[in-house]
C-alpha atoms as a PDB file:
ATOM      1  CA  MET A   1     176.092  44.738 100.562  1.00  0.00           C
ATOM      2  CA  ALA A   2     176.481  48.175 101.089  1.00  0.00           C
ATOM      3  CA  LEU A   3     175.913  49.165  98.114  1.00  0.00           C
ATOM      4  CA  SER A   4     173.140  48.051  98.051  1.00  0.00           C
ATOM      5  CA  LEU A   5     171.712  48.642 101.253  1.00  0.00           C
ATOM      6  CA  ALA A   6     172.419  51.769 100.064  1.00  0.00           C
ATOM      7  CA  ALA A   7     170.273  52.123  96.696  1.00  0.00           C
ATOM      8  CA  ALA A   8     167.150  50.213  98.541  1.00  0.00           C
ATOM      9  CA  ALA A   9     167.183  53.888 100.774  1.00  0.00           C
ATOM     10  CA  ALA A  10     167.890  55.875  98.031  1.00  0.00           C
ATOM     11  CA  ALA A  11     165.100  53.958  96.006  1.00  0.00           C
ATOM     12  CA  ALA A  12     162.085  54.462  99.508  1.00  0.00           C
ATOM     13  CA  GLY A  13     162.406  57.762  99.512  1.00  0.00           C
ATOM     14  CA  PRO A  14     163.198  60.140 102.592  1.00  0.00           C
ATOM     15  CA  ALA A  15     162.795  58.318 106.130  1.00  0.00           C
ATOM     16  CA  PRO A  16     158.984  59.229 107.934  1.00  0.00           C
ATOM     17  CA  ALA A  17     159.447  62.103 110.263  1.00  0.00           C
ATOM     18  CA  ALA A  18     159.058  60.922 113.795  1.00  0.00           C
ATOM     19  CA  ALA A  19     155.660  62.300 115.171  1.00  0.00           C
ATOM     20  CA  GLN A  20     155.964  66.115 116.582  1.00  0.00           C
ATOM     21  CA  ALA A  21     154.430  66.474 120.237  1.00  0.00           C
ATOM     22  CA  CYS A  22     152.514  69.840 120.605  1.00  0.00           C
ATOM     23  CA  ASP A  23     154.703  72.366 122.758  1.00  0.00           C
ATOM     24  CA  ARG A  24     152.004  74.141 124.601  1.00  0.00           C
ATOM     25  CA  SER A  25     154.525  76.429 126.604  1.00  0.00           C
ATOM     26  CA  GLY A  26     154.217  79.259 124.487  1.00  0.00           C
ATOM     27  CA  CYS A  27     151.582  81.541 124.690  1.00  0.00           C
ATOM     28  CA  GLY A  28     149.327  81.941 121.552  1.00  0.00           C
ATOM     29  CA  TRP A  29     147.453  80.127 118.889  1.00  0.00           C
ATOM     30  CA  ILE A  30     148.993  76.542 117.694  1.00  0.00           C
ATOM     31  CA  SER A  31     147.701  74.572 114.887  1.00  0.00           C
ATOM     32  CA  CYS A  32     148.439  71.446 117.106  1.00  0.00           C
ATOM     33  CA  GLY A  33     146.108  72.477 120.285  1.00  0.00           C
ATOM     34  CA  THR A  34     142.951  72.305 118.551  1.00  0.00           C
ATOM     35  CA  PRO A  35     140.620  70.438 118.883  1.00  0.00           C
ATOM     36  CA  ALA A  36     140.572  70.620 123.004  1.00  0.00           C
ATOM     37  CA  SER A  37     140.997  67.812 124.839  1.00  0.00           C
ATOM     38  CA  PRO A  38     138.494  66.681 127.572  1.00  0.00           C
ATOM     39  CA  VAL A  39     140.534  66.950 131.452  1.00  0.00           C
ATOM     40  CA  PRO A  40     141.443  62.960 132.092  1.00  0.00           C
ATOM     41  CA  ALA A  41     139.579  60.866 134.159  1.00  0.00           C
ATOM     42  CA  ALA A  42     141.929  60.531 136.870  1.00  0.00           C
ATOM     43  CA  ASN A  43     141.552  64.529 137.708  1.00  0.00           C
ATOM     44  CA  TRP A  44     137.755  64.591 138.812  1.00  0.00           C
ATOM     45  CA  THR A  45     136.845  63.518 142.024  1.00  0.00           C
ATOM     46  CA  SER A  46     133.985  60.773 142.809  1.00  0.00           C
ATOM     47  CA  SER A  47     131.272  64.168 143.580  1.00  0.00           C
ATOM     48  CA  LEU A  48     132.557  65.945 140.002  1.00  0.00           C
ATOM     49  CA  GLN A  49     132.170  64.230 136.774  1.00  0.00           C
ATOM     50  CA  PRO A  50     132.244  65.971 133.431  1.00  0.00           C
ATOM     51  CA  ALA A  51     128.659  64.962 132.055  1.00  0.00           C
ATOM     52  CA  GLU A  52     130.201  64.374 128.562  1.00  0.00           C
ATOM     53  CA  THR A  53     133.460  63.134 126.591  1.00  0.00           C
ATOM     54  CA  SER A  54     134.139  65.372 124.916  1.00  0.00           C
ATOM     55  CA  ILE A  55     134.081  68.911 124.168  1.00  0.00           C
ATOM     56  CA  PRO A  56     131.534  69.914 121.774  1.00  0.00           C
ATOM     57  CA  PRO A  57     132.638  72.735 118.971  1.00  0.00           C
ATOM     58  CA  SER A  58     130.011  75.016 120.403  1.00  0.00           C
ATOM     59  CA  ARG A  59     132.140  75.412 123.736  1.00  0.00           C
ATOM     60  CA  ASP A  60     135.666  74.809 122.120  1.00  0.00           C
ATOM     61  CA  VAL A  61     137.763  77.853 121.258  1.00  0.00           C
ATOM     62  CA  THR A  62     140.991  76.411 121.058  1.00  0.00           C
ATOM     63  CA  ALA A  63     140.705  76.961 116.586  1.00  0.00           C
ATOM     64  CA  PHE A  64     140.188  81.117 117.582  1.00  0.00           C
ATOM     65  CA  ASN A  65     143.998  82.300 115.820  1.00  0.00           C
ATOM     66  CA  GLU A  66     144.710  85.887 117.191  1.00  0.00           C
ATOM     67  CA  TYR A  67     146.524  86.610 114.802  1.00  0.00           C
ATOM     68  CA  THR A  68     144.124  86.416 111.799  1.00  0.00           C
ATOM     69  CA  GLY A  69     140.897  86.546 113.582  1.00  0.00           C
ATOM     70  CA  GLN A  70     138.913  88.772 116.216  1.00  0.00           C
ATOM     71  CA  TYR A  71     138.461  88.424 119.761  1.00  0.00           C
ATOM     72  CA  ALA A  72     135.180  90.658 119.756  1.00  0.00           C
ATOM     73  CA  ASN A  73     133.892  87.363 117.879  1.00  0.00           C
ATOM     74  CA  ASN A  74     134.997  84.521 119.359  1.00  0.00           C
ATOM     75  CA  PRO A  75     133.437  83.274 122.957  1.00  0.00           C
ATOM     76  CA  TYR A  76     135.878  83.052 125.205  1.00  0.00           C
ATOM     77  CA  PHE A  77     134.158  82.197 128.632  1.00  0.00           C
ATOM     78  CA  PHE A  78     135.716  83.531 131.452  1.00  0.00           C
ATOM     79  CA  SER A  79     132.984  83.840 134.520  1.00  0.00           C
ATOM     80  CA  ILE A  80     129.714  81.559 134.984  1.00  0.00           C
ATOM     81  CA  ASP A  81     126.640  82.037 137.419  1.00  0.00           C
ATOM     82  CA  ILE A  82     124.038  79.489 137.132  1.00  0.00           C
ATOM     83  CA  GLN A  83     120.304  80.100 138.866  1.00  0.00           C
ATOM     84  CA  ASN A  84     117.353  77.954 138.250  1.00  0.00           C
ATOM     85  CA  GLY A  85     118.891  75.660 136.048  1.00  0.00           C
ATOM     86  CA  PHE A  86     119.908  78.603 133.527  1.00  0.00           C
ATOM     87  CA  VAL A  87     123.483  79.177 132.834  1.00  0.00           C
ATOM     88  CA  PHE A  88     124.994  82.625 132.139  1.00  0.00           C
ATOM     89  CA  THR A  89     128.508  83.177 130.622  1.00  0.00           C
ATOM     90  CA  ALA A  90     130.849  86.120 130.456  1.00  0.00           C
ATOM     91  CA  MET A  91     131.954  86.078 127.018  1.00  0.00           C
ATOM     92  CA  GLY A  92     134.951  88.181 127.312  1.00  0.00           C
ATOM     93  CA  TYR A  93     132.690  90.410 124.711  1.00  0.00           C
ATOM     94  CA  GLY A  94     129.392  89.844 125.784  1.00  0.00           C
ATOM     95  CA  LEU A  95     126.812  87.371 127.549  1.00  0.00           C
ATOM     96  CA  GLN A  96     125.588  83.909 126.789  1.00  0.00           C
ATOM     97  CA  ILE A  97     122.328  82.287 128.224  1.00  0.00           C
ATOM     98  CA  TRP A  98     122.482  78.393 128.369  1.00  0.00           C
ATOM     99  CA  ASP A  99     119.401  75.865 129.830  1.00  0.00           C
ATOM    100  CA  THR A 100     120.283  72.930 131.498  1.00  0.00           C
ATOM    101  CA  ARG A 101     116.552  72.052 132.464  1.00  0.00           C
ATOM    102  CA  ALA A 102     115.583  69.415 130.336  1.00  0.00           C
ATOM    103  CA  THR A 103     119.219  68.248 129.480  1.00  0.00           C
ATOM    104  CA  PRO A 104     121.853  68.898 132.024  1.00  0.00           C
ATOM    105  CA  GLY A 105     124.331  67.486 130.376  1.00  0.00           C
ATOM    106  CA  ASN A 106     123.609  68.498 126.785  1.00  0.00           C
ATOM    107  CA  PRO A 107     122.843  72.698 127.293  1.00  0.00           C
ATOM    108  CA  THR A 108     121.404  74.613 125.040  1.00  0.00           C
ATOM    109  CA  GLN A 109     122.345  77.780 123.978  1.00  0.00           C
ATOM    110  CA  VAL A 110     118.974  79.889 124.569  1.00  0.00           C
ATOM    111  CA  GLY A 111     120.428  83.388 124.477  1.00  0.00           C
ATOM    112  CA  THR A 112     123.276  86.300 123.639  1.00  0.00           C
ATOM    113  CA  LEU A 113     124.117  89.498 124.560  1.00  0.00           C
ATOM    114  CA  GLY A 114     126.537  90.736 122.066  1.00  0.00           C
ATOM    115  CA  HIS A 115     129.293  93.745 122.780  1.00  0.00           C
ATOM    116  CA  GLY A 116     127.278  95.772 119.668  1.00  0.00           C
ATOM    117  CA  ASP A 117     124.263  95.227 122.364  1.00  0.00           C
ATOM    118  CA  PHE A 118     125.873  98.091 124.924  1.00  0.00           C
ATOM    119  CA  PRO A 119     124.968 101.408 124.488  1.00  0.00           C
ATOM    120  CA  PHE A 120     129.157 101.772 125.297  1.00  0.00           C
ATOM    121  CA  PHE A 121     131.089  98.951 124.046  1.00  0.00           C
ATOM    122  CA  PRO A 122     134.414 100.802 122.440  1.00  0.00           C
ATOM    123  CA  ILE A 123     136.013  98.055 120.416  1.00  0.00           C
ATOM    124  CA  ASN A 124     139.733  98.321 120.952  1.00  0.00           C
ATOM    125  CA  GLY A 125     142.063  95.842 118.979  1.00  0.00           C
ATOM    126  CA  GLU A 126     144.314  95.808 122.330  1.00  0.00           C
ATOM    127  CA  ILE A 127     141.714  95.226 124.874  1.00  0.00           C
ATOM    128  CA  TYR A 128     141.552  91.485 124.729  1.00  0.00           C
ATOM    129  CA  PHE A 129     138.737  90.238 126.806  1.00  0.00           C
ATOM    130  CA  PRO A 130     136.643  93.272 128.845  1.00  0.00           C
ATOM    131  CA  ILE A 131     134.218  91.692 130.219  1.00  0.00           C
ATOM    132  CA  GLY A 132     135.211  89.509 132.978  1.00  0.00           C
ATOM    133  CA  SER A 133     132.569  88.469 135.154  1.00  0.00           C
ATOM    134  CA  VAL A 134     128.995  88.006 135.518  1.00  0.00           C
ATOM    135  CA  SER A 135     126.913  87.024 138.492  1.00  0.00           C
ATOM    136  CA  ALA A 136     122.999  86.798 139.597  1.00  0.00           C
ATOM    137  CA  PRO A 137     121.479  87.494 142.440  1.00  0.00           C
ATOM    138  CA  ALA A 138     120.646  83.881 144.487  1.00  0.00           C
ATOM    139  CA  GLY A 139     117.280  81.794 142.986  1.00  0.00           C
ATOM    140  CA  VAL A 140     116.865  85.073 140.264  1.00  0.00           C
ATOM    141  CA  ASP A 141     117.178  84.359 136.891  1.00  0.00           C
ATOM    142  CA  THR A 142     115.830  87.495 134.714  1.00  0.00           C
ATOM    143  CA  MET A 143     118.063  89.868 135.850  1.00  0.00           C
ATOM    144  CA  ALA A 144     122.950  89.186 135.502  1.00  0.00           C
ATOM    145  CA  GLY A 145     125.350  91.553 135.977  1.00  0.00           C
ATOM    146  CA  LEU A 146     128.217  92.119 134.108  1.00  0.00           C
ATOM    147  CA  GLY A 147     131.606  93.622 135.442  1.00  0.00           C
ATOM    148  CA  ALA A 148     134.228  94.627 132.766  1.00  0.00           C
ATOM    149  CA  THR A 149     138.292  95.497 133.750  1.00  0.00           C
ATOM    150  CA  TYR A 150     138.802  96.994 130.613  1.00  0.00           C
ATOM    151  CA  GLY A 151     138.038  99.031 128.159  1.00  0.00           C
ATOM    152  CA  ASN A 152     135.568 101.821 129.832  1.00  0.00           C
ATOM    153  CA  ILE A 153     132.813  99.811 129.118  1.00  0.00           C
ATOM    154  CA  GLY A 154     132.146  99.194 133.588  1.00  0.00           C
ATOM    155  CA  LEU A 155     129.277  97.704 135.086  1.00  0.00           C
ATOM    156  CA  ALA A 156     126.144  96.380 133.163  1.00  0.00           C
ATOM    157  CA  ILE A 157     123.009  94.688 133.804  1.00  0.00           C
ATOM    158  CA  ALA A 158     121.341  92.953 131.819  1.00  0.00           C
ATOM    159  CA  ASP A 159     117.730  92.074 131.698  1.00  0.00           C
ATOM    160  CA  THR A 160     117.259  88.234 130.527  1.00  0.00           C
ATOM    161  CA  SER A 161     113.546  87.707 131.983  1.00  0.00           C
ATOM    162  CA  VAL A 162     113.584  86.918 127.896  1.00  0.00           C
ATOM    163  CA  LYS A 163     116.041  84.287 127.389  1.00  0.00           C
ATOM    164  CA  SER A 164     116.196  84.569 123.595  1.00  0.00           C
ATOM    165  CA  LYS A 165     117.004  88.469 123.655  1.00  0.00           C
ATOM    166  CA  PRO A 166     118.893  89.495 126.754  1.00  0.00           C
ATOM    167  CA  ARG A 167     119.229  93.428 126.935  1.00  0.00           C
ATOM    168  CA  VAL A 168     121.183  96.118 128.612  1.00  0.00           C
ATOM    169  CA  ALA A 169     119.443  97.215 131.533  1.00  0.00           C
ATOM    170  CA  TYR A 170     122.105  99.759 132.824  1.00  0.00           C
ATOM    171  CA  GLN A 171     125.319 100.353 132.148  1.00  0.00           C
ATOM    172  CA  GLY A 172     127.334 102.643 134.319  1.00  0.00           C
ATOM    173  CA  GLN A 173     130.943 103.434 133.089  1.00  0.00           C
ATOM    174  CA  VAL A 174     134.376 104.155 135.289  1.00  0.00           C
ATOM    175  CA  ARG A 175     136.218 106.947 134.780  1.00  0.00           C
ATOM    176  CA  LYS A 176     139.839 107.006 135.649  1.00  0.00           C
ATOM    177  CA  VAL A 177     140.322 107.933 139.157  1.00  0.00           C
ATOM    178  CA  PRO A 178     143.706 110.222 139.583  1.00  0.00           C
ATOM    179  CA  ILE A 179     145.703 107.798 142.198  1.00  0.00           C
ATOM    180  CA  GLU A 180     147.985 110.557 143.814  1.00  0.00           C
ATOM    181  CA  PRO A 181     147.041 110.343 147.953  1.00  0.00           C
ATOM    182  CA  ARG A 182     144.185 112.372 148.839  1.00  0.00           C
ATOM    183  CA  SER A 183     142.402 112.628 151.749  1.00  0.00           C
ATOM    184  CA  GLY A 184     139.296 113.329 153.544  1.00  0.00           C
ATOM    185  CA  GLU A 185     136.062 115.026 151.553  1.00  0.00           C
ATOM    186  CA  ASP A 186     138.670 115.018 148.278  1.00  0.00           C
ATOM    187  CA  ALA A 187     139.085 111.720 148.514  1.00  0.00           C
ATOM    188  CA  VAL A 188     135.433 111.204 148.914  1.00  0.00           C
ATOM    189  CA  ASP A 189     134.513 113.210 145.842  1.00  0.00           C
ATOM    190  CA  ALA A 190     136.849 111.536 143.630  1.00  0.00           C
ATOM    191  CA  LEU A 191     135.503 108.100 144.254  1.00  0.00           C
ATOM    192  CA  ARG A 192     132.146 109.707 144.012  1.00  0.00           C
ATOM    193  CA  GLY A 193     132.828 110.964 140.762  1.00  0.00           C
ATOM    194  CA  ALA A 194     134.043 107.662 139.090  1.00  0.00           C
ATOM    195  CA  LEU A 195     131.266 106.517 138.531  1.00  0.00           C
ATOM    196  CA  THR A 196     128.580 108.381 135.752  1.00  0.00           C
ATOM    197  CA  GLU A 197     125.489 107.237 134.276  1.00  0.00           C
ATOM    198  CA  PRO A 198     125.548 107.117 130.573  1.00  0.00           C
ATOM    199  CA  GLY A 199     123.327 109.737 128.786  1.00  0.00           C
END
């Protein structure tokens, strides 16, 4: 009997592997981590609910592989501001503009300002997400400010009056300020000299 069971098991081939859980404890790309899963309904409040049950591919960045892809070509969403139905998103390497006026649950991307549209925007393989914030004045959708933390990109003001063709109207770069203690006028002069205007 034991021999016939062993023969049957050998003829059937190896047993199928048990389903593997997706280990998300590490940092970096994992093949089992895409597509993105929506936040469970239990985590939402009665006053804040998602407009869609899945994340559209245009807003899902989980397929990005940092070992083979370029950060500048991947739209990481870092900051958001909404004015008059237009959504401004800081994208790590630029700005995207979305129109929610007609279909708030399914916004339409209407404009992009990429890193190549800035007067000064160095691409450095070690600077992963230089632009980290966006802000527009209350009630104004014709301009937005972008703040960069890394890469000496500084502050940029985007003219968004033509939503399909945003442009950088101003960019101020930051020079490194010595960190040694200073006092009086020396400190004021050092801070004044930290901001420079291009060209």
